[in-house]
Amino acid sequence: MVRLVRRLIAVCLNTMSDMGSADRRVFGRNIRRIRDALGLTQEDLAEISGLDRSYIGGVERGERNPALNAILRLASALNVTPAMLFDDIGDDVTQPPARDAVEAIPTVDGLRIRFKYDQYDAEYSLFGATRSQYDEVIGVLKTGLASGEKRSDVVARAFLRAVKVWPEANASDLWTFVLNRNYCDRSNHPDTNARLNLEQSWKRTSGWALERVLVAHYGSFLMKHGISAKIASRAEKEALLRGIDDSRIIPDKADVLLTYVHNCETRLLGVAHVKASIAERRTDDVPMSQALLQAGYLSVFWTMDSKSFPSQRPVNLGEFGDAAENQASDKRRDFEDNGYFSACFSYNRNTMPTARKTVAARVYVCDFINPNDHFSQFLVDSLGQHAPF
């Protein structure tokens, strides 16, 4: 530990001086190992950290001497302390937790999906499903992962296939009990992912996959109404958000940009905050959301509202709770009473939509059967109110 502290102090005091070659190799090796454990490509890490991909490649090979600013950016992007990047992080970072394979057992009324959920041998009933349908959906996931394609694209495509094959199923259940569990089943990954921490990889991969799901499902429909839903580059985000003079605006927190064109110029309509659950970084998004709202833009929360507790038969109830005013949870009040976002759109059929007539912002429940729904209509109606046509 003393060596680590001294090493960090040396870098902090003089970022222009070279690390020793051994230190550079350790630093680069740890960057690569943690990045792999999180399921990130060098391009992903470059996007998150704001550094150049070729620079990150040089760092990982031990050829580049990172300055203090780069060290801090990389540590933040990988969600570790800077000290972890200067020492042997051990096998525990990349070794996955023991987990039984997912099983799909045909029943009279569908499939019983069995998986390990903490200490429980859990199961989820997927009514009306056949084994051939299940093999088709998981085949999309498994084949895509084996191809080396970007994992977030693979997960998004497998999920979109799942909601098409089983349109009457709860989309949030498919995300939670089918896609998540199968992604974390090592048998669905190629041997090259043998040391990948699948739980950590899912946390990163699934967030980006959900953004792709939103764009894929609604993109064409919204475009017909003059709205573009886009996963933008850092430069595009900065350009469109530059006009909002507020320190709470952080481009990296703009998951999906909602824009329109006026007089041949692309203009910002708002931002969609895309999250698997209500709790997932929700409070981190509130300051930026309030800044967007105060500047006259949309700030919508788009979520699977995925929340269940370990048991033999887990139920994905979500986190909003009762819709009655006197029973409202703090998370629900953040929308209905506090109006921290323009609206919330949940894809969990167990979520209770807003029941009260007068609220600051409403909670809607949607599915993936038809893109002409509460979410798209909310955006179309908002465009009519915001755009200077």
Protein backbone atom coordinates (compact mmCIF):
# COMPACT_ATOMS: atom_id res chain seq x y z
CA MET A 1 0.00 0.00 0.00
CA VAL A 2 2.84 2.39 0.83
CA ARG A 3 4.32 1.77 -2.61
CA LEU A 4 0.95 2.52 -4.20
CA VAL A 5 0.57 5.78 -2.33
CA ARG A 6 4.10 6.86 -3.18
CA ARG A 7 3.57 5.96 -6.80
CA LEU A 8 0.34 7.97 -6.99
CA ILE A 9 1.92 10.93 -5.23
CA ALA A 10 4.80 10.86 -7.69
CA VAL A 11 2.41 10.93 -10.61
CA CYS A 12 0.30 13.69 -9.05
CA LEU A 13 3.32 15.88 -8.31
CA ASN A 14 4.76 15.61 -11.75
CA THR A 15 2.45 14.32 -14.44
CA MET A 16 4.99 15.04 -17.14
CA SER A 17 7.61 12.65 -15.74
CA ASP A 18 7.64 9.09 -17.03
CA MET A 19 6.40 6.13 -15.06
CA GLY A 20 8.83 3.28 -14.97
CA SER A 21 8.28 0.71 -17.70
CA ALA A 22 7.16 -1.86 -15.12
CA ASP A 23 4.58 0.58 -13.73
CA ARG A 24 3.30 1.33 -17.22
CA ARG A 25 2.87 -2.38 -17.94
CA VAL A 26 0.99 -2.98 -14.67
CA PHE A 27 -1.18 0.09 -15.25
CA GLY A 28 -1.99 -0.92 -18.83
CA ARG A 29 -2.65 -4.53 -17.91
CA ASN A 30 -5.08 -3.48 -15.18
CA ILE A 31 -6.92 -1.10 -17.52
CA ARG A 32 -7.36 -3.93 -20.01
CA ARG A 33 -8.42 -6.52 -17.41
CA ILE A 34 -11.01 -4.29 -15.74
CA ARG A 35 -12.30 -3.11 -19.11
CA ASP A 36 -12.73 -6.74 -20.23
CA ALA A 37 -14.40 -7.65 -16.94
CA LEU A 38 -16.96 -4.90 -17.53
CA GLY A 39 -17.60 -6.01 -21.08
CA LEU A 40 -16.21 -2.81 -22.60
CA THR A 41 -14.35 -2.41 -25.88
CA GLN A 42 -11.60 0.19 -26.24
CA GLU A 43 -14.11 2.26 -28.21
CA ASP A 44 -16.58 2.05 -25.31
CA LEU A 45 -13.95 3.15 -22.80
CA ALA A 46 -12.87 5.98 -25.07
CA GLU A 47 -16.46 7.24 -25.29
CA ILE A 48 -16.99 7.08 -21.52
CA SER A 49 -13.64 8.58 -20.53
CA GLY A 50 -13.40 11.17 -23.28
CA LEU A 51 -9.98 9.87 -24.32
CA ASP A 52 -8.86 8.75 -27.77
CA ARG A 53 -9.15 5.04 -28.55
CA SER A 54 -5.62 4.84 -29.94
CA TYR A 55 -4.36 6.54 -26.76
CA ILE A 56 -6.11 3.91 -24.63
CA GLY A 57 -4.58 1.19 -26.80
CA GLY A 58 -1.13 2.63 -26.19
CA VAL A 59 -1.78 2.82 -22.45
CA GLU A 60 -2.94 -0.81 -22.34
CA ARG A 61 0.20 -1.93 -24.17
CA GLY A 62 2.36 -0.03 -21.70
CA GLU A 63 3.63 2.29 -24.42
CA ARG A 64 1.99 5.54 -23.24
CA ASN A 65 2.71 7.45 -20.05
CA PRO A 66 -0.70 8.63 -18.77
CA ALA A 67 -1.00 12.07 -17.24
CA LEU A 68 -2.91 12.58 -13.99
CA ASN A 69 -6.03 13.77 -15.80
CA ALA A 70 -6.07 10.59 -17.92
CA ILE A 71 -5.57 8.40 -14.84
CA LEU A 72 -8.52 10.01 -13.08
CA ARG A 73 -10.72 9.78 -16.18
CA LEU A 74 -9.92 6.10 -16.67
CA ALA A 75 -10.50 5.27 -13.02
CA SER A 76 -13.85 7.07 -13.08
CA ALA A 77 -14.92 5.40 -16.33
CA LEU A 78 -14.05 1.95 -14.95
CA ASN A 79 -15.65 2.71 -11.57
CA VAL A 80 -12.49 1.94 -9.58
CA THR A 81 -10.10 3.96 -7.44
CA PRO A 82 -6.91 5.21 -9.11
CA ALA A 83 -4.88 3.02 -6.72
CA MET A 84 -6.44 -0.12 -8.21
CA LEU A 85 -4.87 0.75 -11.54
CA PHE A 86 -1.36 0.67 -10.08
CA ASP A 87 -1.39 -2.72 -8.43
CA ASP A 88 -2.17 -6.31 -9.25
CA ILE A 89 -5.96 -6.39 -8.98
CA GLY A 90 -6.07 -10.17 -8.63
CA ASP A 91 -8.20 -12.78 -10.32
CA ASP A 92 -11.30 -11.94 -8.31
CA VAL A 93 -12.08 -9.00 -10.60
CA THR A 94 -12.38 -11.16 -13.71
CA GLN A 95 -13.50 -14.46 -12.25
CA PRO A 96 -17.28 -14.75 -12.43
CA PRO A 97 -19.39 -15.85 -9.49
CA ALA A 98 -20.52 -19.44 -9.65
CA ARG A 99 -23.86 -19.67 -11.41
CA ASP A 100 -25.91 -22.59 -12.69
CA ALA A 101 -27.03 -22.65 -16.30
CA VAL A 102 -30.50 -21.43 -17.19
CA GLU A 103 -33.00 -24.16 -18.03
CA ALA A 104 -36.21 -23.88 -20.04
CA ILE A 105 -38.63 -26.71 -19.25
CA PRO A 106 -41.82 -27.15 -21.33
CA THR A 107 -45.06 -27.31 -19.35
CA VAL A 108 -48.72 -27.67 -20.27
CA ASP A 109 -49.19 -23.89 -20.44
CA GLY A 110 -45.77 -22.66 -21.58
CA LEU A 111 -42.21 -22.74 -20.28
CA ARG A 112 -40.74 -22.82 -16.82
CA ILE A 113 -37.46 -20.87 -16.81
CA ARG A 114 -35.16 -22.09 -14.03
CA PHE A 115 -32.11 -20.19 -12.80
CA LYS A 116 -30.08 -19.50 -9.69
CA TYR A 117 -31.20 -16.39 -7.78
CA ASP A 118 -28.85 -15.85 -4.85
CA GLN A 119 -29.42 -18.87 -2.59
CA TYR A 120 -32.63 -19.92 -4.35
CA ASP A 121 -33.31 -22.32 -7.20
CA ALA A 122 -35.77 -19.91 -8.78
CA GLU A 123 -38.20 -20.29 -11.62
CA TYR A 124 -40.29 -18.00 -13.80
CA SER A 125 -43.30 -19.12 -15.82
CA LEU A 126 -43.41 -17.84 -19.40
CA PHE A 127 -46.99 -18.63 -20.40
CA GLY A 128 -47.82 -19.52 -23.98
CA ALA A 129 -44.15 -19.97 -24.94
CA THR A 130 -42.74 -23.00 -26.74
CA ARG A 131 -39.27 -24.47 -26.55
CA SER A 132 -38.65 -23.73 -30.22
CA GLN A 133 -39.48 -20.05 -29.66
CA TYR A 134 -37.17 -19.95 -26.67
CA ASP A 135 -34.35 -21.57 -28.66
CA GLU A 136 -34.91 -19.01 -31.41
CA VAL A 137 -34.61 -16.03 -29.03
CA ILE A 138 -31.64 -17.38 -27.11
CA GLY A 139 -30.09 -18.41 -30.41
CA VAL A 140 -30.06 -14.74 -31.45
CA LEU A 141 -28.20 -13.94 -28.22
CA LYS A 142 -25.76 -16.84 -28.40
CA THR A 143 -24.95 -16.47 -32.10
CA GLY A 144 -24.43 -12.74 -31.75
CA LEU A 145 -22.11 -13.12 -28.78
CA ALA A 146 -20.08 -15.74 -30.64
CA SER A 147 -19.74 -13.47 -33.68
CA GLY A 148 -17.80 -10.83 -31.75
CA GLU A 149 -20.44 -8.22 -32.52
CA LYS A 150 -20.89 -5.42 -30.01
CA ARG A 151 -22.62 -7.01 -27.01
CA SER A 152 -25.11 -4.19 -26.53
CA ASP A 153 -26.30 -4.61 -30.12
CA VAL A 154 -26.67 -8.35 -29.59
CA VAL A 155 -28.69 -7.96 -26.39
CA ALA A 156 -30.94 -5.32 -27.98
CA ARG A 157 -31.63 -7.52 -30.99
CA ALA A 158 -32.36 -10.58 -28.82
CA PHE A 159 -34.75 -8.58 -26.63
CA LEU A 160 -36.58 -7.10 -29.61
CA ARG A 161 -36.96 -10.62 -30.95
CA ALA A 162 -38.32 -11.76 -27.59
CA VAL A 163 -41.03 -9.07 -27.41
CA LYS A 164 -42.02 -9.88 -30.99
CA VAL A 165 -42.24 -13.63 -30.32
CA TRP A 166 -44.05 -13.14 -26.99
CA PRO A 167 -46.00 -9.86 -27.39
CA GLU A 168 -48.36 -10.68 -24.53
CA ALA A 169 -45.57 -11.28 -22.02
CA ASN A 170 -44.48 -8.58 -19.60
CA ALA A 171 -41.55 -6.90 -21.40
CA SER A 172 -39.80 -6.14 -18.12
CA ASP A 173 -40.05 -9.84 -17.17
CA LEU A 174 -38.47 -10.83 -20.47
CA TRP A 175 -35.66 -8.39 -19.79
CA THR A 176 -35.16 -9.50 -16.19
CA PHE A 177 -35.82 -13.23 -16.16
CA VAL A 178 -34.95 -14.26 -19.73
CA LEU A 179 -32.36 -11.90 -21.25
CA ASN A 180 -30.47 -11.06 -18.06
CA ARG A 181 -30.32 -14.66 -16.84
CA ASN A 182 -29.27 -16.05 -20.20
CA TYR A 183 -26.62 -13.38 -20.69
CA CYS A 184 -25.15 -14.40 -17.33
CA ASP A 185 -25.23 -18.08 -18.30
CA ARG A 186 -21.65 -18.83 -19.31
CA SER A 187 -22.73 -21.52 -21.77
CA ASN A 188 -24.20 -18.81 -24.00
CA HIS A 189 -20.80 -17.12 -24.39
CA PRO A 190 -17.85 -18.15 -26.57
CA ASP A 191 -14.67 -19.47 -24.97
CA THR A 192 -13.00 -16.11 -25.59
CA ASN A 193 -15.25 -14.69 -22.85
CA ALA A 194 -14.20 -17.34 -20.35
CA ARG A 195 -12.75 -14.83 -17.89
CA LEU A 196 -15.41 -12.19 -18.36
CA ASN A 197 -17.30 -11.21 -15.20
CA LEU A 198 -20.76 -11.63 -16.67
CA GLU A 199 -22.62 -9.88 -13.86
CA GLN A 200 -20.50 -6.74 -14.29
CA SER A 201 -20.60 -7.05 -18.06
CA TRP A 202 -24.41 -7.16 -17.99
CA LYS A 203 -24.60 -3.95 -15.96
CA ARG A 204 -22.67 -2.06 -18.62
CA THR A 205 -23.95 -3.87 -21.69
CA SER A 206 -27.63 -3.81 -20.75
CA GLY A 207 -27.68 -0.04 -20.24
CA TRP A 208 -26.44 0.61 -23.75
CA ALA A 209 -28.68 -2.16 -25.11
CA LEU A 210 -31.79 -0.48 -23.69
CA GLU A 211 -30.89 2.75 -25.47
CA ARG A 212 -30.70 0.78 -28.71
CA VAL A 213 -34.05 -0.86 -27.97
CA LEU A 214 -35.71 2.54 -27.61
CA VAL A 215 -34.25 3.84 -30.87
CA ALA A 216 -35.00 0.65 -32.81
CA HIS A 217 -38.61 0.39 -31.63
CA TYR A 218 -39.62 4.03 -31.97
CA GLY A 219 -37.15 5.48 -34.47
CA SER A 220 -39.10 5.02 -37.72
CA PHE A 221 -42.45 6.01 -36.22
CA LEU A 222 -41.07 9.16 -34.63
CA MET A 223 -39.23 10.11 -37.81
CA LYS A 224 -42.57 10.22 -39.65
CA HIS A 225 -43.62 12.87 -37.16
CA GLY A 226 -40.45 14.93 -37.49
CA ILE A 227 -38.66 13.63 -34.38
CA SER A 228 -35.30 11.88 -34.28
CA ALA A 229 -34.35 9.61 -31.36
CA LYS A 230 -30.59 9.15 -31.49
CA ILE A 231 -27.72 7.69 -29.50
CA ALA A 232 -25.40 10.56 -30.24
CA SER A 233 -21.64 10.86 -30.06
CA ARG A 234 -20.03 12.97 -27.37
CA ALA A 235 -19.38 15.75 -29.90
CA GLU A 236 -23.02 15.75 -31.05
CA LYS A 237 -24.27 15.88 -27.46
CA GLU A 238 -21.97 18.75 -26.60
CA ALA A 239 -23.02 20.68 -29.70
CA LEU A 240 -26.75 20.36 -29.01
CA LEU A 241 -26.49 20.97 -25.27
CA ARG A 242 -24.01 23.83 -25.55
CA GLY A 243 -26.79 26.41 -25.65
CA ILE A 244 -27.92 25.56 -22.10
CA ASP A 245 -25.71 27.63 -19.82
CA ASP A 246 -25.99 25.48 -16.71
CA SER A 247 -23.29 23.52 -14.91
CA ARG A 248 -25.78 20.72 -14.23
CA ILE A 249 -25.83 19.83 -17.93
CA ILE A 250 -23.50 16.85 -18.39
CA PRO A 251 -23.49 15.56 -21.99
CA ASP A 252 -22.53 12.02 -20.96
CA LYS A 253 -25.79 11.74 -19.01
CA ALA A 254 -27.87 12.37 -22.14
CA ASP A 255 -28.67 8.75 -23.00
CA VAL A 256 -30.88 9.33 -26.05
CA LEU A 257 -31.19 12.73 -27.72
CA LEU A 258 -34.59 13.77 -29.03
CA THR A 259 -34.26 16.30 -31.84
CA TYR A 260 -36.19 17.87 -34.73
CA VAL A 261 -35.23 19.91 -37.79
CA HIS A 262 -36.28 23.54 -38.26
CA ASN A 263 -35.04 25.70 -41.13
CA CYS A 264 -32.55 22.95 -42.07
CA GLU A 265 -31.09 23.09 -38.56
CA THR A 266 -31.16 20.22 -36.07
CA ARG A 267 -32.60 21.43 -32.77
CA LEU A 268 -32.94 19.82 -29.39
CA LEU A 269 -36.39 18.72 -28.23
CA GLY A 270 -35.13 16.99 -25.11
CA VAL A 271 -33.41 13.99 -23.58
CA ALA A 272 -34.58 10.48 -22.69
CA HIS A 273 -32.96 9.06 -19.56
CA VAL A 274 -32.88 5.30 -20.17
CA LYS A 275 -32.62 3.01 -17.13
CA ALA A 276 -33.38 -0.63 -16.33
CA SER A 277 -34.75 0.34 -12.92
CA ILE A 278 -36.07 3.44 -11.19
CA ALA A 279 -33.27 3.44 -8.64
CA GLU A 280 -30.49 2.99 -11.19
CA ARG A 281 -28.66 6.34 -11.11
CA ARG A 282 -32.01 8.12 -10.97
CA THR A 283 -30.89 10.70 -8.44
CA ASP A 284 -27.75 11.35 -10.49
CA ASP A 285 -29.96 12.35 -13.42
CA VAL A 286 -32.23 14.68 -11.43
CA PRO A 287 -29.97 17.78 -11.47
CA MET A 288 -29.51 17.62 -15.24
CA SER A 289 -33.20 16.88 -15.72
CA GLN A 290 -34.16 19.97 -13.73
CA ALA A 291 -31.75 22.07 -15.77
CA LEU A 292 -33.30 20.78 -19.00
CA LEU A 293 -36.82 21.49 -17.77
CA GLN A 294 -35.91 24.99 -16.63
CA ALA A 295 -34.41 25.69 -20.04
CA GLY A 296 -37.66 24.60 -21.72
CA TYR A 297 -36.66 21.15 -22.95
CA LEU A 298 -38.16 17.70 -22.42
CA SER A 299 -36.57 15.34 -19.91
CA VAL A 300 -38.31 11.97 -19.94
CA PHE A 301 -37.49 8.90 -17.85
CA TRP A 302 -37.71 5.63 -19.83
CA THR A 303 -37.41 2.45 -17.80
CA MET A 304 -38.07 -1.26 -17.46
CA ASP A 305 -38.89 -0.57 -13.79
CA SER A 306 -37.21 -3.89 -13.08
CA LYS A 307 -37.20 -4.90 -9.42
CA SER A 308 -37.64 -8.30 -7.77
CA PHE A 309 -36.37 -10.00 -4.65
CA PRO A 310 -34.66 -13.39 -4.37
CA SER A 311 -37.15 -16.21 -3.86
CA GLN A 312 -38.17 -19.48 -5.43
CA ARG A 313 -40.78 -17.69 -7.53
CA PRO A 314 -39.60 -14.07 -7.87
CA VAL A 315 -42.10 -11.43 -8.93
CA ASN A 316 -40.98 -8.36 -10.85
CA LEU A 317 -43.16 -5.78 -9.10
CA GLY A 318 -41.05 -2.73 -9.94
CA GLU A 319 -40.42 0.14 -7.54
CA PHE A 320 -43.33 2.54 -7.89
CA GLY A 321 -45.72 0.80 -5.54
CA ASP A 322 -49.32 1.92 -5.03
CA ALA A 323 -50.74 4.71 -7.18
CA ALA A 324 -53.02 6.02 -4.43
CA GLU A 325 -51.90 9.46 -3.26
CA ASN A 326 -51.67 8.49 0.41
CA GLN A 327 -49.70 5.34 -0.46
CA ALA A 328 -47.25 6.85 -2.96
CA SER A 329 -43.59 5.90 -2.62
CA ASP A 330 -40.79 8.46 -2.67
CA LYS A 331 -39.84 7.32 -6.17
CA ARG A 332 -43.38 7.93 -7.42
CA ARG A 333 -43.50 11.33 -5.68
CA ASP A 334 -40.35 12.36 -7.54
CA PHE A 335 -42.47 12.35 -10.67
CA GLU A 336 -46.03 13.04 -9.60
CA ASP A 337 -45.37 15.58 -6.84
CA ASN A 338 -41.89 16.96 -7.48
CA GLY A 339 -41.91 16.88 -11.29
CA TYR A 340 -38.21 16.11 -11.54
CA PHE A 341 -38.82 14.76 -15.07
CA SER A 342 -41.34 15.56 -17.79
CA ALA A 343 -42.88 12.09 -17.49
CA CYS A 344 -41.98 8.48 -16.78
CA PHE A 345 -42.61 5.59 -19.18
CA SER A 346 -42.46 2.10 -17.68
CA TYR A 347 -42.41 -1.17 -19.63
CA ASN A 348 -43.35 -3.27 -16.61
CA ARG A 349 -47.02 -4.24 -16.63
CA ASN A 350 -46.90 -4.47 -12.85
CA THR A 351 -46.21 -0.73 -12.63
CA MET A 352 -49.30 1.21 -11.59
CA PRO A 353 -49.82 4.24 -13.87
CA THR A 354 -50.66 7.59 -12.36
CA ALA A 355 -54.19 7.56 -10.98
CA ARG A 356 -54.56 11.19 -9.91
CA LYS A 357 -55.90 13.77 -12.35
CA THR A 358 -53.58 16.59 -11.31
CA VAL A 359 -49.87 15.83 -10.94
CA ALA A 360 -46.56 17.50 -11.83
CA ALA A 361 -45.59 14.60 -14.13
CA ARG A 362 -47.34 11.34 -14.98
CA VAL A 363 -46.23 7.72 -14.87
CA TYR A 364 -47.33 5.80 -17.99
CA VAL A 365 -47.19 2.07 -18.72
CA CYS A 366 -46.25 0.98 -22.25
CA ASP A 367 -45.33 -2.19 -24.13
CA PHE A 368 -43.63 -3.09 -27.41
CA ILE A 369 -46.69 -4.17 -29.37
CA ASN A 370 -47.11 -0.89 -31.25
CA PRO A 371 -44.81 2.18 -31.34
CA ASN A 372 -47.88 4.41 -31.54
CA ASP A 373 -48.33 4.53 -27.77
CA HIS A 374 -48.15 6.86 -24.75
CA PHE A 375 -44.42 7.50 -25.22
CA SER A 376 -44.48 8.44 -28.89
CA GLN A 377 -47.68 10.46 -28.55
CA PHE A 378 -46.20 12.37 -25.63
CA LEU A 379 -43.22 13.32 -27.80
CA VAL A 380 -45.36 14.23 -30.80
CA ASP A 381 -47.64 16.39 -28.66
CA SER A 382 -44.62 18.01 -27.03
CA LEU A 383 -43.08 18.79 -30.41
CA GLY A 384 -46.21 20.74 -31.30
CA GLN A 385 -45.82 22.77 -28.11
CA HIS A 386 -42.04 23.30 -28.26
CA ALA A 387 -41.14 23.64 -31.91
CA PRO A 388 -41.36 27.16 -33.40
CA PHE A 389 -43.32 26.12 -36.49
